[in-house]
PDB file of N, CA and C in Angstrom:
ATOM      1  N   UNK A   1      43.591  25.696  14.237  1.00  0.00           N
ATOM      2  CA  UNK A   1      43.101  24.605  15.035  1.00  0.00           C
ATOM      3  C   UNK A   1      42.704  23.468  14.089  1.00  0.00           C
ATOM      4  N   UNK A   2      43.199  22.284  14.346  1.00  0.00           N
ATOM      5  CA  UNK A   2      42.881  21.115  13.531  1.00  0.00           C
ATOM      6  C   UNK A   2      41.844  20.264  14.261  1.00  0.00           C
ATOM      7  N   UNK A   3      40.854  19.807  13.516  1.00  0.00           N
ATOM      8  CA  UNK A   3      39.840  18.944  14.130  1.00  0.00           C
ATOM      9  C   UNK A   3      39.851  17.548  13.516  1.00  0.00           C
ATOM     10  N   UNK A   4      40.877  17.242  12.752  1.00  0.00           N
ATOM     11  CA  UNK A   4      40.996  15.911  12.165  1.00  0.00           C
ATOM     12  C   UNK A   4      41.079  14.846  13.254  1.00  0.00           C
ATOM     13  N   UNK A   5      41.742  15.145  14.312  1.00  0.00           N
ATOM     14  CA  UNK A   5      41.954  14.195  15.400  1.00  0.00           C
ATOM     15  C   UNK A   5      40.636  13.784  16.054  1.00  0.00           C
ATOM     16  N   UNK A   6      39.656  14.689  16.077  1.00  0.00           N
ATOM     17  CA  UNK A   6      38.375  14.372  16.708  1.00  0.00           C
ATOM     18  C   UNK A   6      37.710  13.198  15.994  1.00  0.00           C
ATOM     19  N   UNK A   7      37.722  13.223  14.679  1.00  0.00           N
ATOM     20  CA  UNK A   7      37.093  12.128  13.950  1.00  0.00           C
ATOM     21  C   UNK A   7      37.848  10.828  14.164  1.00  0.00           C
ATOM     22  N   UNK A   8      39.151  10.913  14.380  1.00  0.00           N
ATOM     23  CA  UNK A   8      39.916   9.697  14.646  1.00  0.00           C
ATOM     24  C   UNK A   8      39.595   9.150  16.031  1.00  0.00           C
ATOM     25  N   UNK A   9      39.424  10.027  17.003  1.00  0.00           N
ATOM     26  CA  UNK A   9      39.142   9.597  18.382  1.00  0.00           C
ATOM     27  C   UNK A   9      37.736   9.017  18.480  1.00  0.00           C
ATOM     28  N   UNK A  10      36.757   9.731  17.922  1.00  0.00           N
ATOM     29  CA  UNK A  10      35.373   9.320  18.073  1.00  0.00           C
ATOM     30  C   UNK A  10      34.872   8.433  16.937  1.00  0.00           C
ATOM     31  N   UNK A  11      35.656   8.242  15.924  1.00  0.00           N
ATOM     32  CA  UNK A  11      35.240   7.453  14.766  1.00  0.00           C
ATOM     33  C   UNK A  11      34.816   6.046  15.126  1.00  0.00           C
ATOM     34  N   UNK A  12      35.556   5.355  15.955  1.00  0.00           N
ATOM     35  CA  UNK A  12      35.222   3.982  16.344  1.00  0.00           C
ATOM     36  C   UNK A  12      33.917   3.950  17.127  1.00  0.00           C
ATOM     37  N   UNK A  13      33.711   4.923  18.030  1.00  0.00           N
ATOM     38  CA  UNK A  13      32.471   4.955  18.802  1.00  0.00           C
ATOM     39  C   UNK A  13      31.270   5.200  17.892  1.00  0.00           C
ATOM     40  N   UNK A  14      31.433   6.047  16.888  1.00  0.00           N
ATOM     41  CA  UNK A  14      30.347   6.305  15.962  1.00  0.00           C
ATOM     42  C   UNK A  14      30.022   5.061  15.152  1.00  0.00           C
ATOM     43  N   UNK A  15      31.010   4.291  14.775  1.00  0.00           N
ATOM     44  CA  UNK A  15      30.765   3.059  14.037  1.00  0.00           C
ATOM     45  C   UNK A  15      30.036   2.048  14.923  1.00  0.00           C
ATOM     46  N   UNK A  16      30.374   2.016  16.224  1.00  0.00           N
ATOM     47  CA  UNK A  16      29.698   1.094  17.133  1.00  0.00           C
ATOM     48  C   UNK A  16      28.214   1.454  17.238  1.00  0.00           C
ATOM     49  N   UNK A  17      27.900   2.741  17.312  1.00  0.00           N
ATOM     50  CA  UNK A  17      26.503   3.170  17.388  1.00  0.00           C
ATOM     51  C   UNK A  17      25.777   2.794  16.114  1.00  0.00           C
ATOM     52  N   UNK A  18      26.398   3.002  14.981  1.00  0.00           N
ATOM     53  CA  UNK A  18      25.776   2.679  13.698  1.00  0.00           C
ATOM     54  C   UNK A  18      25.536   1.182  13.559  1.00  0.00           C
ATOM     55  N   UNK A  19      26.336   0.362  14.207  1.00  0.00           N
ATOM     56  CA  UNK A  19      26.200  -1.096  14.114  1.00  0.00           C
ATOM     57  C   UNK A  19      25.458  -1.681  15.300  1.00  0.00           C
ATOM     58  N   UNK A  20      24.690  -0.899  16.010  1.00  0.00           N
ATOM     59  CA  UNK A  20      23.913  -1.409  17.135  1.00  0.00           C
ATOM     60  C   UNK A  20      24.779  -1.743  18.332  1.00  0.00           C
ATOM     61  N   UNK A  21      25.863  -1.057  18.538  1.00  0.00           N
ATOM     62  CA  UNK A  21      26.709  -1.277  19.695  1.00  0.00           C
ATOM     63  C   UNK A  21      27.799  -2.303  19.472  1.00  0.00           C
ATOM     64  N   UNK A  22      27.783  -2.993  18.327  1.00  0.00           N
ATOM     65  CA  UNK A  22      28.819  -3.986  18.047  1.00  0.00           C
ATOM     66  C   UNK A  22      29.994  -3.311  17.362  1.00  0.00           C
ATOM     67  N   UNK A  23      31.134  -3.873  17.534  1.00  0.00           N
ATOM     68  CA  UNK A  23      32.305  -3.380  16.815  1.00  0.00           C
ATOM     69  C   UNK A  23      32.149  -3.723  15.350  1.00  0.00           C
ATOM     70  N   UNK A  24      32.645  -2.870  14.478  1.00  0.00           N
ATOM     71  CA  UNK A  24      32.531  -3.204  13.054  1.00  0.00           C
ATOM     72  C   UNK A  24      33.269  -4.488  12.733  1.00  0.00           C
ATOM     73  N   UNK A  25      32.605  -5.345  12.001  1.00  0.00           N
ATOM     74  CA  UNK A  25      33.182  -6.634  11.638  1.00  0.00           C
ATOM     75  C   UNK A  25      33.438  -6.631  10.137  1.00  0.00           C
ATOM     76  N   UNK A  26      34.644  -6.909   9.750  1.00  0.00           N
ATOM     77  CA  UNK A  26      35.024  -6.865   8.338  1.00  0.00           C
ATOM     78  C   UNK A  26      34.362  -7.997   7.547  1.00  0.00           C
ATOM     79  N   UNK A  27      33.982  -9.108   8.213  1.00  0.00           N
ATOM     80  CA  UNK A  27      33.409 -10.244   7.496  1.00  0.00           C
ATOM     81  C   UNK A  27      31.929 -10.038   7.173  1.00  0.00           C
ATOM     82  N   UNK A  28      31.261  -9.124   7.888  1.00  0.00           N
ATOM     83  CA  UNK A  28      29.847  -8.872   7.621  1.00  0.00           C
ATOM     84  C   UNK A  28      29.691  -8.044   6.352  1.00  0.00           C
ATOM     85  N   UNK A  29      28.760  -8.462   5.514  1.00  0.00           N
ATOM     86  CA  UNK A  29      28.493  -7.720   4.295  1.00  0.00           C
ATOM     87  C   UNK A  29      27.514  -6.588   4.628  1.00  0.00           C
ATOM     88  N   UNK A  30      27.749  -5.433   4.059  1.00  0.00           N
ATOM     89  CA  UNK A  30      26.820  -4.338   4.329  1.00  0.00           C
ATOM     90  C   UNK A  30      25.455  -4.617   3.706  1.00  0.00           C
ATOM     91  N   UNK A  31      24.408  -4.204   4.405  1.00  0.00           N
ATOM     92  CA  UNK A  31      23.049  -4.377   3.911  1.00  0.00           C
ATOM     93  C   UNK A  31      22.760  -3.250   2.937  1.00  0.00           C
ATOM     94  N   UNK A  32      22.283  -3.612   1.771  1.00  0.00           N
ATOM     95  CA  UNK A  32      21.998  -2.604   0.754  1.00  0.00           C
ATOM     96  C   UNK A  32      20.503  -2.486   0.553  1.00  0.00           C
ATOM     97  N   UNK A  33      19.922  -1.381   0.963  1.00  0.00           N
ATOM     98  CA  UNK A  33      18.519  -1.089   0.715  1.00  0.00           C
ATOM     99  C   UNK A  33      17.572  -1.879   1.588  1.00  0.00           C
ATOM    100  N   UNK A  34      16.303  -1.530   1.470  1.00  0.00           N
ATOM    101  CA  UNK A  34      15.247  -2.201   2.208  1.00  0.00           C
ATOM    102  C   UNK A  34      14.668  -3.313   1.354  1.00  0.00           C
ATOM    103  N   UNK A  35      14.028  -4.252   2.006  1.00  0.00           N
ATOM    104  CA  UNK A  35      13.369  -5.307   1.254  1.00  0.00           C
ATOM    105  C   UNK A  35      12.062  -5.671   1.942  1.00  0.00           C
ATOM    106  N   UNK A  36      11.151  -6.220   1.168  1.00  0.00           N
ATOM    107  CA  UNK A  36       9.855  -6.632   1.672  1.00  0.00           C
ATOM    108  C   UNK A  36       9.580  -8.031   1.154  1.00  0.00           C
ATOM    109  N   UNK A  37       9.022  -8.861   2.003  1.00  0.00           N
ATOM    110  CA  UNK A  37       8.609 -10.175   1.540  1.00  0.00           C
ATOM    111  C   UNK A  37       7.171 -10.406   1.982  1.00  0.00           C
ATOM    112  N   UNK A  38       6.372 -10.974   1.083  1.00  0.00           N
ATOM    113  CA  UNK A  38       4.970 -11.230   1.357  1.00  0.00           C
ATOM    114  C   UNK A  38       4.743 -12.725   1.498  1.00  0.00           C
ATOM    115  N   UNK A  39       3.813 -13.076   2.367  1.00  0.00           N
ATOM    116  CA  UNK A  39       3.465 -14.484   2.526  1.00  0.00           C
ATOM    117  C   UNK A  39       2.708 -14.953   1.288  1.00  0.00           C
ATOM    118  N   UNK A  40       2.590 -16.252   1.149  1.00  0.00           N
ATOM    119  CA  UNK A  40       1.883 -16.823   0.004  1.00  0.00           C
ATOM    120  C   UNK A  40       0.430 -16.359   0.011  1.00  0.00           C
ATOM    121  N   UNK A  41      -0.185 -16.328   1.179  1.00  0.00           N
ATOM    122  CA  UNK A  41      -1.586 -15.906   1.306  1.00  0.00           C
ATOM    123  C   UNK A  41      -1.749 -14.446   0.890  1.00  0.00           C
ATOM    124  N   UNK A  42      -0.810 -13.592   1.295  1.00  0.00           N
ATOM    125  CA  UNK A  42      -0.880 -12.173   0.924  1.00  0.00           C
ATOM    126  C   UNK A  42      -0.758 -12.006  -0.583  1.00  0.00           C
ATOM    127  N   UNK A  43       0.104 -12.788  -1.197  1.00  0.00           N
ATOM    128  CA  UNK A  43       0.259 -12.722  -2.654  1.00  0.00           C
ATOM    129  C   UNK A  43      -1.021 -13.163  -3.354  1.00  0.00           C
ATOM    130  N   UNK A  44      -1.667 -14.223  -2.835  1.00  0.00           N
ATOM    131  CA  UNK A  44      -2.917 -14.699  -3.416  1.00  0.00           C
ATOM    132  C   UNK A  44      -4.010 -13.643  -3.298  1.00  0.00           C
ATOM    133  N   UNK A  45      -4.113 -13.032  -2.111  1.00  0.00           N
ATOM    134  CA  UNK A  45      -5.126 -11.998  -1.896  1.00  0.00           C
ATOM    135  C   UNK A  45      -4.882 -10.805  -2.805  1.00  0.00           C
ATOM    136  N   UNK A  46      -3.630 -10.432  -2.938  1.00  0.00           N
ATOM    137  CA  UNK A  46      -3.283  -9.275  -3.760  1.00  0.00           C
ATOM    138  C   UNK A  46      -3.633  -9.524  -5.220  1.00  0.00           C
ATOM    139  N   UNK A  47      -3.264 -10.678  -5.734  1.00  0.00           N
ATOM    140  CA  UNK A  47      -3.517 -10.948  -7.151  1.00  0.00           C
ATOM    141  C   UNK A  47      -5.003 -11.125  -7.414  1.00  0.00           C
ATOM    142  N   UNK A  48      -5.737 -11.753  -6.489  1.00  0.00           N
ATOM    143  CA  UNK A  48      -7.168 -11.954  -6.723  1.00  0.00           C
ATOM    144  C   UNK A  48      -7.920 -10.634  -6.658  1.00  0.00           C
ATOM    145  N   UNK A  49      -7.548  -9.742  -5.731  1.00  0.00           N
ATOM    146  CA  UNK A  49      -8.250  -8.464  -5.653  1.00  0.00           C
ATOM    147  C   UNK A  49      -7.907  -7.594  -6.853  1.00  0.00           C
ATOM    148  N   UNK A  50      -6.673  -7.652  -7.313  1.00  0.00           N
ATOM    149  CA  UNK A  50      -6.287  -6.886  -8.493  1.00  0.00           C
ATOM    150  C   UNK A  50      -7.061  -7.376  -9.711  1.00  0.00           C
ATOM    151  N   UNK A  51      -7.195  -8.674  -9.832  1.00  0.00           N
ATOM    152  CA  UNK A  51      -7.928  -9.240 -10.963  1.00  0.00           C
ATOM    153  C   UNK A  51      -9.401  -8.853 -10.914  1.00  0.00           C
ATOM    154  N   UNK A  52     -10.009  -8.896  -9.713  1.00  0.00           N
ATOM    155  CA  UNK A  52     -11.430  -8.565  -9.616  1.00  0.00           C
ATOM    156  C   UNK A  52     -11.664  -7.081  -9.900  1.00  0.00           C
ATOM    157  N   UNK A  53     -10.748  -6.223  -9.488  1.00  0.00           N
ATOM    158  CA  UNK A  53     -10.868  -4.793  -9.785  1.00  0.00           C
ATOM    159  C   UNK A  53     -10.752  -4.572 -11.290  1.00  0.00           C
ATOM    160  N   UNK A  54      -9.790  -5.241 -11.910  1.00  0.00           N
ATOM    161  CA  UNK A  54      -9.612  -5.107 -13.357  1.00  0.00           C
ATOM    162  C   UNK A  54     -10.855  -5.584 -14.104  1.00  0.00           C
ATOM    163  N   UNK A  55     -11.444  -6.686 -13.665  1.00  0.00           N
ATOM    164  CA  UNK A  55     -12.657  -7.194 -14.306  1.00  0.00           C
ATOM    165  C   UNK A  55     -13.799  -6.201 -14.161  1.00  0.00           C
ATOM    166  N   UNK A  56     -13.916  -5.611 -12.977  1.00  0.00           N
ATOM    167  CA  UNK A  56     -14.975  -4.632 -12.733  1.00  0.00           C
ATOM    168  C   UNK A  56     -14.801  -3.411 -13.637  1.00  0.00           C
ATOM    169  N   UNK A  57     -13.586  -2.924 -13.746  1.00  0.00           N
ATOM    170  CA  UNK A  57     -13.311  -1.757 -14.590  1.00  0.00           C
ATOM    171  C   UNK A  57     -13.590  -2.086 -16.056  1.00  0.00           C
ATOM    172  N   UNK A  58     -13.170  -3.260 -16.488  1.00  0.00           N
ATOM    173  CA  UNK A  58     -13.396  -3.654 -17.888  1.00  0.00           C
ATOM    174  C   UNK A  58     -14.881  -3.810 -18.202  1.00  0.00           C
ATOM    175  N   UNK A  59     -15.706  -4.108 -17.185  1.00  0.00           N
ATOM    176  CA  UNK A  59     -17.140  -4.280 -17.402  1.00  0.00           C
ATOM    177  C   UNK A  59     -17.860  -2.940 -17.518  1.00  0.00           C
ATOM    178  N   UNK A  60     -17.233  -1.855 -17.075  1.00  0.00           N
ATOM    179  CA  UNK A  60     -17.874  -0.535 -17.156  1.00  0.00           C
ATOM    180  C   UNK A  60     -17.901  -0.055 -18.602  1.00  0.00           C
ATOM    181  N   UNK A  61     -18.969   0.635 -18.969  1.00  0.00           N
ATOM    182  CA  UNK A  61     -19.030   1.153 -20.340  1.00  0.00           C
ATOM    183  C   UNK A  61     -18.041   2.302 -20.525  1.00  0.00           C
ATOM    184  N   UNK A  62     -17.555   2.451 -21.753  1.00  0.00           N
ATOM    185  CA  UNK A  62     -16.625   3.535 -22.055  1.00  0.00           C
ATOM    186  C   UNK A  62     -17.326   4.890 -21.991  1.00  0.00           C
ATOM    187  N   UNK A  63     -18.588   4.919 -22.375  1.00  0.00           N
ATOM    188  CA  UNK A  63     -19.367   6.149 -22.389  1.00  0.00           C
ATOM    189  C   UNK A  63     -20.618   5.926 -21.543  1.00  0.00           C
ATOM    190  N   UNK A  64     -20.890   6.860 -20.639  1.00  0.00           N
ATOM    191  CA  UNK A  64     -22.102   6.757 -19.830  1.00  0.00           C
ATOM    192  C   UNK A  64     -23.240   7.442 -20.592  1.00  0.00           C
ATOM    193  N   UNK A  65     -24.039   6.626 -21.233  1.00  0.00           N
ATOM    194  CA  UNK A  65     -25.096   7.112 -22.115  1.00  0.00           C
ATOM    195  C   UNK A  65     -26.063   8.042 -21.397  1.00  0.00           C
ATOM    196  N   UNK A  66     -26.367   7.761 -20.151  1.00  0.00           N
ATOM    197  CA  UNK A  66     -27.297   8.599 -19.388  1.00  0.00           C
ATOM    198  C   UNK A  66     -26.776  10.015 -19.218  1.00  0.00           C
ATOM    199  N   UNK A  67     -25.489  10.139 -18.919  1.00  0.00           N
ATOM    200  CA  UNK A  67     -24.871  11.458 -18.745  1.00  0.00           C
ATOM    201  C   UNK A  67     -24.821  12.209 -20.068  1.00  0.00           C
ATOM    202  N   UNK A  68     -24.522  11.490 -21.144  1.00  0.00           N
ATOM    203  CA  UNK A  68     -24.464  12.118 -22.465  1.00  0.00           C
ATOM    204  C   UNK A  68     -25.843  12.642 -22.840  1.00  0.00           C
ATOM    205  N   UNK A  69     -26.881  11.836 -22.625  1.00  0.00           N
ATOM    206  CA  UNK A  69     -28.245  12.242 -22.957  1.00  0.00           C
ATOM    207  C   UNK A  69     -28.656  13.455 -22.122  1.00  0.00           C
ATOM    208  N   UNK A  70     -28.318  13.447 -20.838  1.00  0.00           N
ATOM    209  CA  UNK A  70     -28.648  14.573 -19.959  1.00  0.00           C
ATOM    210  C   UNK A  70     -27.984  15.862 -20.456  1.00  0.00           C
ATOM    211  N   UNK A  71     -26.730  15.779 -20.847  1.00  0.00           N
ATOM    212  CA  UNK A  71     -26.009  16.949 -21.351  1.00  0.00           C
ATOM    213  C   UNK A  71     -26.635  17.448 -22.654  1.00  0.00           C
ATOM    214  N   UNK A  72     -27.033  16.538 -23.552  1.00  0.00           N
ATOM    215  CA  UNK A  72     -27.664  16.930 -24.809  1.00  0.00           C
ATOM    216  C   UNK A  72     -28.974  17.675 -24.552  1.00  0.00           C
ATOM    217  N   UNK A  73     -29.745  17.165 -23.590  1.00  0.00           N
ATOM    218  CA  UNK A  73     -31.019  17.803 -23.255  1.00  0.00           C
ATOM    219  C   UNK A  73     -30.802  19.206 -22.689  1.00  0.00           C
ATOM    220  N   UNK A  74     -29.793  19.370 -21.842  1.00  0.00           N
ATOM    221  CA  UNK A  74     -29.509  20.685 -21.265  1.00  0.00           C
ATOM    222  C   UNK A  74     -29.041  21.666 -22.334  1.00  0.00           C
ATOM    223  N   UNK A  75     -28.256  21.188 -23.270  1.00  0.00           N
ATOM    224  CA  UNK A  75     -27.795  22.045 -24.376  1.00  0.00           C
ATOM    225  C   UNK A  75     -28.992  22.470 -25.231  1.00  0.00           C
ATOM    226  N   UNK A  76     -29.848  21.493 -25.560  1.00  0.00           N
ATOM    227  CA  UNK A  76     -31.011  21.776 -26.403  1.00  0.00           C
ATOM    228  C   UNK A  76     -31.970  22.747 -25.730  1.00  0.00           C
ATOM    229  N   UNK A  77     -32.109  22.656 -24.416  1.00  0.00           N
ATOM    230  CA  UNK A  77     -33.056  23.529 -23.713  1.00  0.00           C
ATOM    231  C   UNK A  77     -32.473  24.913 -23.435  1.00  0.00           C
ATOM    232  N   UNK A  78     -31.184  25.092 -23.662  1.00  0.00           N
ATOM    233  CA  UNK A  78     -30.552  26.387 -23.412  1.00  0.00           C
ATOM    234  C   UNK A  78     -30.160  26.596 -21.961  1.00  0.00           C
ATOM    235  N   UNK A  79     -30.136  25.539 -21.188  1.00  0.00           N
ATOM    236  CA  UNK A  79     -29.814  25.634 -19.754  1.00  0.00           C
ATOM    237  C   UNK A  79     -28.469  26.319 -19.516  1.00  0.00           C
ATOM    238  N   UNK A  80     -27.473  26.003 -20.322  1.00  0.00           N
ATOM    239  CA  UNK A  80     -26.131  26.533 -20.085  1.00  0.00           C
ATOM    240  C   UNK A  80     -26.032  28.027 -20.410  1.00  0.00           C
ATOM    241  N   UNK A  81     -27.054  28.579 -21.081  1.00  0.00           N
ATOM    242  CA  UNK A  81     -27.087  30.013 -21.373  1.00  0.00           C
ATOM    243  C   UNK A  81     -27.996  30.777 -20.412  1.00  0.00           C
ATOM    244  N   UNK A  82     -28.577  30.076 -19.448  1.00  0.00           N
ATOM    245  CA  UNK A  82     -29.521  30.713 -18.529  1.00  0.00           C
ATOM    246  C   UNK A  82     -28.785  31.472 -17.422  1.00  0.00           C
ATOM    247  N   UNK A  83     -29.390  32.530 -16.915  1.00  0.00           N
ATOM    248  CA  UNK A  83     -28.785  33.285 -15.815  1.00  0.00           C
ATOM    249  C   UNK A  83     -28.601  32.426 -14.557  1.00  0.00           C
ATOM    250  N   UNK A  84     -29.500  31.476 -14.363  1.00  0.00           N
ATOM    251  CA  UNK A  84     -29.396  30.592 -13.189  1.00  0.00           C
ATOM    252  C   UNK A  84     -28.101  29.781 -13.242  1.00  0.00           C
ATOM    253  N   UNK A  85     -27.819  29.198 -14.412  1.00  0.00           N
ATOM    254  CA  UNK A  85     -26.590  28.420 -14.567  1.00  0.00           C
ATOM    255  C   UNK A  85     -25.365  29.314 -14.439  1.00  0.00           C
ATOM    256  N   UNK A  86     -25.399  30.475 -15.062  1.00  0.00           N
ATOM    257  CA  UNK A  86     -24.259  31.389 -15.003  1.00  0.00           C
ATOM    258  C   UNK A  86     -23.952  31.797 -13.569  1.00  0.00           C
ATOM    259  N   UNK A  87     -24.999  32.008 -12.765  1.00  0.00           N
ATOM    260  CA  UNK A  87     -24.820  32.372 -11.354  1.00  0.00           C
ATOM    261  C   UNK A  87     -24.175  31.219 -10.576  1.00  0.00           C
ATOM    262  N   UNK A  88     -24.665  30.004 -10.814  1.00  0.00           N
ATOM    263  CA  UNK A  88     -24.085  28.838 -10.138  1.00  0.00           C
ATOM    264  C   UNK A  88     -22.625  28.646 -10.536  1.00  0.00           C
ATOM    265  N   UNK A  89     -22.342  28.805 -11.827  1.00  0.00           N
ATOM    266  CA  UNK A  89     -20.972  28.655 -12.317  1.00  0.00           C
ATOM    267  C   UNK A  89     -20.056  29.708 -11.697  1.00  0.00           C
ATOM    268  N   UNK A  90     -20.511  30.938 -11.659  1.00  0.00           N
ATOM    269  CA  UNK A  90     -19.713  32.020 -11.072  1.00  0.00           C
ATOM    270  C   UNK A  90     -19.441  31.760  -9.591  1.00  0.00           C
ATOM    271  N   UNK A  91     -20.450  31.295  -8.871  1.00  0.00           N
ATOM    272  CA  UNK A  91     -20.264  30.987  -7.447  1.00  0.00           C
ATOM    273  C   UNK A  91     -19.235  29.877  -7.242  1.00  0.00           C
ATOM    274  N   UNK A  92     -19.326  28.840  -8.053  1.00  0.00           N
ATOM    275  CA  UNK A  92     -18.370  27.729  -7.932  1.00  0.00           C
ATOM    276  C   UNK A  92     -16.948  28.177  -8.254  1.00  0.00           C
ATOM    277  N   UNK A  93     -16.800  29.010  -9.288  1.00  0.00           N
ATOM    278  CA  UNK A  93     -15.465  29.504  -9.645  1.00  0.00           C
ATOM    279  C   UNK A  93     -14.898  30.398  -8.542  1.00  0.00           C
ATOM    280  N   UNK A  94     -15.722  31.259  -7.986  1.00  0.00           N
ATOM    281  CA  UNK A  94     -15.278  32.136  -6.901  1.00  0.00           C
ATOM    282  C   UNK A  94     -14.843  31.308  -5.692  1.00  0.00           C
ATOM    283  N   UNK A  95     -15.633  30.301  -5.372  1.00  0.00           N
ATOM    284  CA  UNK A  95     -15.304  29.437  -4.234  1.00  0.00           C
ATOM    285  C   UNK A  95     -14.000  28.670  -4.496  1.00  0.00           C
ATOM    286  N   UNK A  96     -13.873  28.150  -5.707  1.00  0.00           N
ATOM    287  CA  UNK A  96     -12.673  27.372  -6.074  1.00  0.00           C
ATOM    288  C   UNK A  96     -11.406  28.205  -5.968  1.00  0.00           C
ATOM    289  N   UNK A  97     -11.489  29.470  -6.358  1.00  0.00           N
ATOM    290  CA  UNK A  97     -10.308  30.331  -6.347  1.00  0.00           C
ATOM    291  C   UNK A  97     -10.182  31.149  -5.070  1.00  0.00           C
ATOM    292  N   UNK A  98     -11.044  30.877  -4.082  1.00  0.00           N
ATOM    293  CA  UNK A  98     -10.902  31.483  -2.763  1.00  0.00           C
ATOM    294  C   UNK A  98     -11.417  32.896  -2.636  1.00  0.00           C
ATOM    295  N   UNK A  99     -12.358  33.286  -3.466  1.00  0.00           N
ATOM    296  CA  UNK A  99     -12.935  34.638  -3.356  1.00  0.00           C
ATOM    297  C   UNK A  99     -14.221  34.603  -2.590  1.00  0.00           C
TER     298      UNK A  99
END
């Protein structure tokens, strides 16, 4: 059984559906890919917000001194070797891994 003929019979109808019901036109150029265009106002908003975010990030310190000091104090006091900390750590690990 040959089914080549089916594609020949229905081929034109399938092309019409693909072209929105119009017959295929040889003079029309095929559309390649999607495209997006932004208004001038959208471009201005985008660039200004990007710049303000970048400025905010650049203003942040590389090292958070408060967190570093807190960690040093906990190390010095032996907090990380305490049974209380070990219990909290074990609970968090069990929860994280679904136990």
